[in-house]
Amino acid sequence: MKKLIISFALVMTAFLGAYAQKFALVDMDYILRNVPSYEMANEQLNQVSQRWEREVTELSKEAETMYKNYQSEMIFLTDDQKKAREEELVAKEKEVTDLRYKYFGPEGELFKKRQSLMKPIQEDVYNAVKAVSEEKGYQVIFDRASSQSIVFASPKIDVSNEVLAKLGYSK
């Protein structure tokens, strides 16, 4: 009987502890769409990315043209000339690969540019979410945009507009 009462007390304590926690949702996509500096940073990243992609494409076309010329002239070339042309082709292909990696690689220029432009915005949003959480007493705030496991959530617990207001963009 004593074990039953203790078990019941533990279950009730766990239930009351879980009930006392407050949580909320934010929609980061919605928040970021309503932050003008995020849209400007995205546009700037797109322009830089397109410029670099054109540069890589032009270099790649040069390499392709060199290869086609080599194929058409191959029967007229001596072995030494063939070897020299093949080395030029390999060097050009390596140049294309290196340039692509320099701009778009995991530690490339685009990654660094994205970090430099987005990090301040993400920090501002994080600080605004944290401030709303502290003001309202939320223990947890979930991002409904990145969580695919949230099937339904009441709009009453969505604090996205409060976060936007903290950032200075009232909706």
C-alpha atoms as a PDB file:
ATOM      1  CA  MET A   1       0.000   0.000   0.000  1.00  0.00           C
ATOM      2  CA  LYS A   2       2.857   2.323   0.880  1.00  0.00           C
ATOM      3  CA  LYS A   3       4.491   1.708  -2.546  1.00  0.00           C
ATOM      4  CA  LEU A   4       1.222   2.543  -4.285  1.00  0.00           C
ATOM      5  CA  ILE A   5       0.914   5.868  -2.464  1.00  0.00           C
ATOM      6  CA  ILE A   6       4.545   6.770  -3.167  1.00  0.00           C
ATOM      7  CA  SER A   7       4.133   5.832  -6.846  1.00  0.00           C
ATOM      8  CA  PHE A   8       0.965   7.891  -7.079  1.00  0.00           C
ATOM      9  CA  ALA A   9       2.703  10.860  -5.437  1.00  0.00           C
ATOM     10  CA  LEU A  10       5.619  10.632  -7.889  1.00  0.00           C
ATOM     11  CA  VAL A  11       3.272  10.488 -10.865  1.00  0.00           C
ATOM     12  CA  MET A  12       1.319  13.498  -9.599  1.00  0.00           C
ATOM     13  CA  THR A  13       4.537  15.437  -8.981  1.00  0.00           C
ATOM     14  CA  ALA A  14       5.759  14.691 -12.512  1.00  0.00           C
ATOM     15  CA  PHE A  15       2.367  15.660 -13.935  1.00  0.00           C
ATOM     16  CA  LEU A  16       2.257  18.944 -12.027  1.00  0.00           C
ATOM     17  CA  GLY A  17       5.867  19.702 -12.990  1.00  0.00           C
ATOM     18  CA  ALA A  18       5.097  19.166 -16.665  1.00  0.00           C
ATOM     19  CA  TYR A  19       1.902  21.181 -16.402  1.00  0.00           C
ATOM     20  CA  ALA A  20       3.713  24.149 -14.867  1.00  0.00           C
ATOM     21  CA  GLN A  21       6.062  24.566 -17.814  1.00  0.00           C
ATOM     22  CA  LYS A  22       5.154  27.254 -20.303  1.00  0.00           C
ATOM     23  CA  PHE A  23       6.097  26.980 -23.937  1.00  0.00           C
ATOM     24  CA  ALA A  24       5.489  28.905 -27.127  1.00  0.00           C
ATOM     25  CA  LEU A  25       6.092  28.759 -30.853  1.00  0.00           C
ATOM     26  CA  VAL A  26       7.735  31.115 -33.304  1.00  0.00           C
ATOM     27  CA  ASP A  27       7.787  30.923 -37.077  1.00  0.00           C
ATOM     28  CA  MET A  28      11.323  31.892 -38.070  1.00  0.00           C
ATOM     29  CA  ASP A  29      10.446  32.006 -41.778  1.00  0.00           C
ATOM     30  CA  TYR A  30       7.683  34.506 -41.039  1.00  0.00           C
ATOM     31  CA  ILE A  31       9.948  36.564 -38.784  1.00  0.00           C
ATOM     32  CA  LEU A  32      12.830  36.658 -41.264  1.00  0.00           C
ATOM     33  CA  ARG A  33      10.512  37.551 -44.176  1.00  0.00           C
ATOM     34  CA  ASN A  34       9.453  40.594 -42.180  1.00  0.00           C
ATOM     35  CA  VAL A  35      12.978  41.772 -41.377  1.00  0.00           C
ATOM     36  CA  PRO A  36      14.118  44.058 -44.229  1.00  0.00           C
ATOM     37  CA  SER A  37      17.827  43.600 -43.497  1.00  0.00           C
ATOM     38  CA  TYR A  38      17.421  39.832 -43.994  1.00  0.00           C
ATOM     39  CA  GLU A  39      15.821  40.350 -47.406  1.00  0.00           C
ATOM     40  CA  MET A  40      18.585  42.787 -48.418  1.00  0.00           C
ATOM     41  CA  ALA A  41      21.272  40.359 -47.258  1.00  0.00           C
ATOM     42  CA  ASN A  42      19.632  37.542 -49.231  1.00  0.00           C
ATOM     43  CA  GLU A  43      19.493  39.708 -52.348  1.00  0.00           C
ATOM     44  CA  GLN A  44      23.144  40.660 -51.926  1.00  0.00           C
ATOM     45  CA  LEU A  45      24.100  36.980 -51.540  1.00  0.00           C
ATOM     46  CA  ASN A  46      22.134  36.075 -54.678  1.00  0.00           C
ATOM     47  CA  GLN A  47      23.892  38.763 -56.714  1.00  0.00           C
ATOM     48  CA  VAL A  48      27.340  37.723 -55.518  1.00  0.00           C
ATOM     49  CA  SER A  49      26.542  34.058 -56.106  1.00  0.00           C
ATOM     50  CA  GLN A  50      25.328  34.724 -59.649  1.00  0.00           C
ATOM     51  CA  ARG A  51      28.425  36.803 -60.446  1.00  0.00           C
ATOM     52  CA  TRP A  52      30.729  34.060 -59.182  1.00  0.00           C
ATOM     53  CA  GLU A  53      28.732  31.371 -60.988  1.00  0.00           C
ATOM     54  CA  ARG A  54      29.105  33.304 -64.269  1.00  0.00           C
ATOM     55  CA  GLU A  55      32.853  33.532 -63.670  1.00  0.00           C
ATOM     56  CA  VAL A  56      33.118  29.785 -63.074  1.00  0.00           C
ATOM     57  CA  THR A  57      30.919  29.053 -66.104  1.00  0.00           C
ATOM     58  CA  GLU A  58      33.059  31.238 -68.375  1.00  0.00           C
ATOM     59  CA  LEU A  59      36.228  29.486 -67.232  1.00  0.00           C
ATOM     60  CA  SER A  60      34.545  26.120 -67.719  1.00  0.00           C
ATOM     61  CA  LYS A  61      33.552  27.084 -71.270  1.00  0.00           C
ATOM     62  CA  GLU A  62      37.158  28.041 -71.991  1.00  0.00           C
ATOM     63  CA  ALA A  63      38.261  24.597 -70.831  1.00  0.00           C
ATOM     64  CA  GLU A  64      35.595  22.950 -72.973  1.00  0.00           C
ATOM     65  CA  THR A  65      36.646  24.965 -76.034  1.00  0.00           C
ATOM     66  CA  MET A  66      40.272  24.014 -75.432  1.00  0.00           C
ATOM     67  CA  TYR A  67      39.266  20.349 -75.260  1.00  0.00           C
ATOM     68  CA  LYS A  68      37.239  20.512 -78.496  1.00  0.00           C
ATOM     69  CA  ASN A  69      40.120  22.247 -80.278  1.00  0.00           C
ATOM     70  CA  TYR A  70      42.490  19.589 -78.977  1.00  0.00           C
ATOM     71  CA  GLN A  71      40.245  16.787 -80.250  1.00  0.00           C
ATOM     72  CA  SER A  72      39.938  18.326 -83.686  1.00  0.00           C
ATOM     73  CA  GLU A  73      43.697  18.974 -84.006  1.00  0.00           C
ATOM     74  CA  MET A  74      44.889  15.807 -82.271  1.00  0.00           C
ATOM     75  CA  ILE A  75      45.649  13.875 -85.460  1.00  0.00           C
ATOM     76  CA  PHE A  76      47.981  16.633 -86.662  1.00  0.00           C
ATOM     77  CA  LEU A  77      49.950  16.956 -83.442  1.00  0.00           C
ATOM     78  CA  THR A  78      53.176  15.225 -82.497  1.00  0.00           C
ATOM     79  CA  ASP A  79      53.389  13.232 -79.279  1.00  0.00           C
ATOM     80  CA  ASP A  80      55.165  16.081 -77.505  1.00  0.00           C
ATOM     81  CA  GLN A  81      52.521  18.584 -78.642  1.00  0.00           C
ATOM     82  CA  LYS A  82      49.734  16.217 -77.524  1.00  0.00           C
ATOM     83  CA  LYS A  83      51.329  15.877 -74.123  1.00  0.00           C
ATOM     84  CA  ALA A  84      51.714  19.661 -73.798  1.00  0.00           C
ATOM     85  CA  ARG A  85      48.062  20.249 -74.779  1.00  0.00           C
ATOM     86  CA  GLU A  86      46.852  17.572 -72.372  1.00  0.00           C
ATOM     87  CA  GLU A  87      48.793  19.227 -69.574  1.00  0.00           C
ATOM     88  CA  GLU A  88      47.212  22.588 -70.482  1.00  0.00           C
ATOM     89  CA  LEU A  89      43.771  20.956 -70.404  1.00  0.00           C
ATOM     90  CA  VAL A  90      44.399  19.371 -67.021  1.00  0.00           C
ATOM     91  CA  ALA A  91      45.675  22.698 -65.672  1.00  0.00           C
ATOM     92  CA  LYS A  92      42.589  24.535 -66.974  1.00  0.00           C
ATOM     93  CA  GLU A  93      40.224  21.933 -65.475  1.00  0.00           C
ATOM     94  CA  LYS A  94      42.064  22.215 -62.176  1.00  0.00           C
ATOM     95  CA  GLU A  95      41.715  25.985 -62.348  1.00  0.00           C
ATOM     96  CA  VAL A  96      37.938  25.611 -62.842  1.00  0.00           C
ATOM     97  CA  THR A  97      37.691  23.169 -59.930  1.00  0.00           C
ATOM     98  CA  ASP A  98      39.802  25.358 -57.665  1.00  0.00           C
ATOM     99  CA  LEU A  99      37.760  28.448 -58.486  1.00  0.00           C
ATOM    100  CA  ARG A 100      34.483  26.618 -57.865  1.00  0.00           C
ATOM    101  CA  TYR A 101      35.823  25.340 -54.531  1.00  0.00           C
ATOM    102  CA  LYS A 102      37.144  28.808 -53.622  1.00  0.00           C
ATOM    103  CA  TYR A 103      33.728  30.407 -54.131  1.00  0.00           C
ATOM    104  CA  PHE A 104      31.266  27.642 -53.300  1.00  0.00           C
ATOM    105  CA  GLY A 105      33.204  25.146 -51.169  1.00  0.00           C
ATOM    106  CA  PRO A 106      32.401  24.389 -47.528  1.00  0.00           C
ATOM    107  CA  GLU A 107      34.738  27.147 -46.344  1.00  0.00           C
ATOM    108  CA  GLY A 108      34.408  29.187 -49.531  1.00  0.00           C
ATOM    109  CA  GLU A 109      33.753  32.848 -50.125  1.00  0.00           C
ATOM    110  CA  LEU A 110      29.968  32.393 -50.331  1.00  0.00           C
ATOM    111  CA  PHE A 111      29.922  30.648 -46.948  1.00  0.00           C
ATOM    112  CA  LYS A 112      32.016  33.417 -45.394  1.00  0.00           C
ATOM    113  CA  LYS A 113      29.865  36.120 -46.981  1.00  0.00           C
ATOM    114  CA  ARG A 114      26.675  34.427 -45.744  1.00  0.00           C
ATOM    115  CA  GLN A 115      28.144  34.178 -42.250  1.00  0.00           C
ATOM    116  CA  SER A 116      29.143  37.843 -42.183  1.00  0.00           C
ATOM    117  CA  LEU A 117      25.746  39.037 -43.446  1.00  0.00           C
ATOM    118  CA  MET A 118      23.416  36.648 -41.619  1.00  0.00           C
ATOM    119  CA  LYS A 119      25.084  36.207 -38.242  1.00  0.00           C
ATOM    120  CA  PRO A 120      24.176  39.693 -36.908  1.00  0.00           C
ATOM    121  CA  ILE A 121      20.560  39.249 -38.032  1.00  0.00           C
ATOM    122  CA  GLN A 122      20.336  35.784 -36.470  1.00  0.00           C
ATOM    123  CA  GLU A 123      21.815  37.109 -33.224  1.00  0.00           C
ATOM    124  CA  ASP A 124      19.262  39.941 -33.123  1.00  0.00           C
ATOM    125  CA  VAL A 125      16.403  37.487 -33.669  1.00  0.00           C
ATOM    126  CA  TYR A 126      17.802  35.124 -31.041  1.00  0.00           C
ATOM    127  CA  ASN A 127      18.097  37.972 -28.522  1.00  0.00           C
ATOM    128  CA  ALA A 128      14.521  39.081 -29.266  1.00  0.00           C
ATOM    129  CA  VAL A 129      13.223  35.514 -28.805  1.00  0.00           C
ATOM    130  CA  LYS A 130      15.183  35.243 -25.567  1.00  0.00           C
ATOM    131  CA  ALA A 131      13.782  38.561 -24.324  1.00  0.00           C
ATOM    132  CA  VAL A 132      10.195  37.513 -25.083  1.00  0.00           C
ATOM    133  CA  SER A 133      10.848  34.190 -23.364  1.00  0.00           C
ATOM    134  CA  GLU A 134      12.175  35.873 -20.239  1.00  0.00           C
ATOM    135  CA  GLU A 135       9.361  38.457 -20.138  1.00  0.00           C
ATOM    136  CA  LYS A 136       6.586  35.885 -20.533  1.00  0.00           C
ATOM    137  CA  GLY A 137       8.218  33.137 -18.476  1.00  0.00           C
ATOM    138  CA  TYR A 138       8.537  30.538 -21.255  1.00  0.00           C
ATOM    139  CA  GLN A 139      10.891  27.659 -20.573  1.00  0.00           C
ATOM    140  CA  VAL A 140      10.917  26.553 -24.216  1.00  0.00           C
ATOM    141  CA  ILE A 141      10.169  28.258 -27.527  1.00  0.00           C
ATOM    142  CA  PHE A 142       9.939  25.970 -30.553  1.00  0.00           C
ATOM    143  CA  ASP A 143      10.476  27.008 -34.157  1.00  0.00           C
ATOM    144  CA  ARG A 144       7.449  25.785 -36.064  1.00  0.00           C
ATOM    145  CA  ALA A 145       9.144  26.455 -39.428  1.00  0.00           C
ATOM    146  CA  SER A 146      11.948  23.966 -38.836  1.00  0.00           C
ATOM    147  CA  SER A 147      10.036  21.397 -36.800  1.00  0.00           C
ATOM    148  CA  GLN A 148       8.237  18.944 -39.029  1.00  0.00           C
ATOM    149  CA  SER A 149       6.909  17.055 -36.033  1.00  0.00           C
ATOM    150  CA  ILE A 150       4.451  19.836 -35.087  1.00  0.00           C
ATOM    151  CA  VAL A 151       1.222  18.839 -36.782  1.00  0.00           C
ATOM    152  CA  PHE A 152      -1.003  21.476 -35.206  1.00  0.00           C
ATOM    153  CA  ALA A 153      -0.394  24.301 -32.788  1.00  0.00           C
ATOM    154  CA  SER A 154      -2.834  26.861 -31.517  1.00  0.00           C
ATOM    155  CA  PRO A 155      -2.181  30.357 -32.852  1.00  0.00           C
ATOM    156  CA  LYS A 156      -2.543  31.553 -29.260  1.00  0.00           C
ATOM    157  CA  ILE A 157       0.927  30.217 -28.389  1.00  0.00           C
ATOM    158  CA  ASP A 158       2.637  31.721 -31.448  1.00  0.00           C
ATOM    159  CA  VAL A 159       4.773  34.662 -30.299  1.00  0.00           C
ATOM    160  CA  SER A 160       6.249  35.531 -33.711  1.00  0.00           C
ATOM    161  CA  ASN A 161       4.610  38.983 -33.771  1.00  0.00           C
ATOM    162  CA  GLU A 162       5.945  39.730 -30.292  1.00  0.00           C
ATOM    163  CA  VAL A 163       9.449  38.841 -31.480  1.00  0.00           C
ATOM    164  CA  LEU A 164       9.012  41.135 -34.490  1.00  0.00           C
ATOM    165  CA  ALA A 165       7.875  43.899 -32.146  1.00  0.00           C
ATOM    166  CA  LYS A 166      11.019  43.375 -30.032  1.00  0.00           C
ATOM    167  CA  LEU A 167      13.060  43.742 -33.209  1.00  0.00           C
ATOM    168  CA  GLY A 168      11.227  46.986 -34.008  1.00  0.00           C
ATOM    169  CA  TYR A 169       9.050  45.643 -36.802  1.00  0.00           C
ATOM    170  CA  SER A 170       5.499  45.577 -35.500  1.00  0.00           C
ATOM    171  CA  LYS A 171       2.840  43.609 -37.334  1.00  0.00           C
END
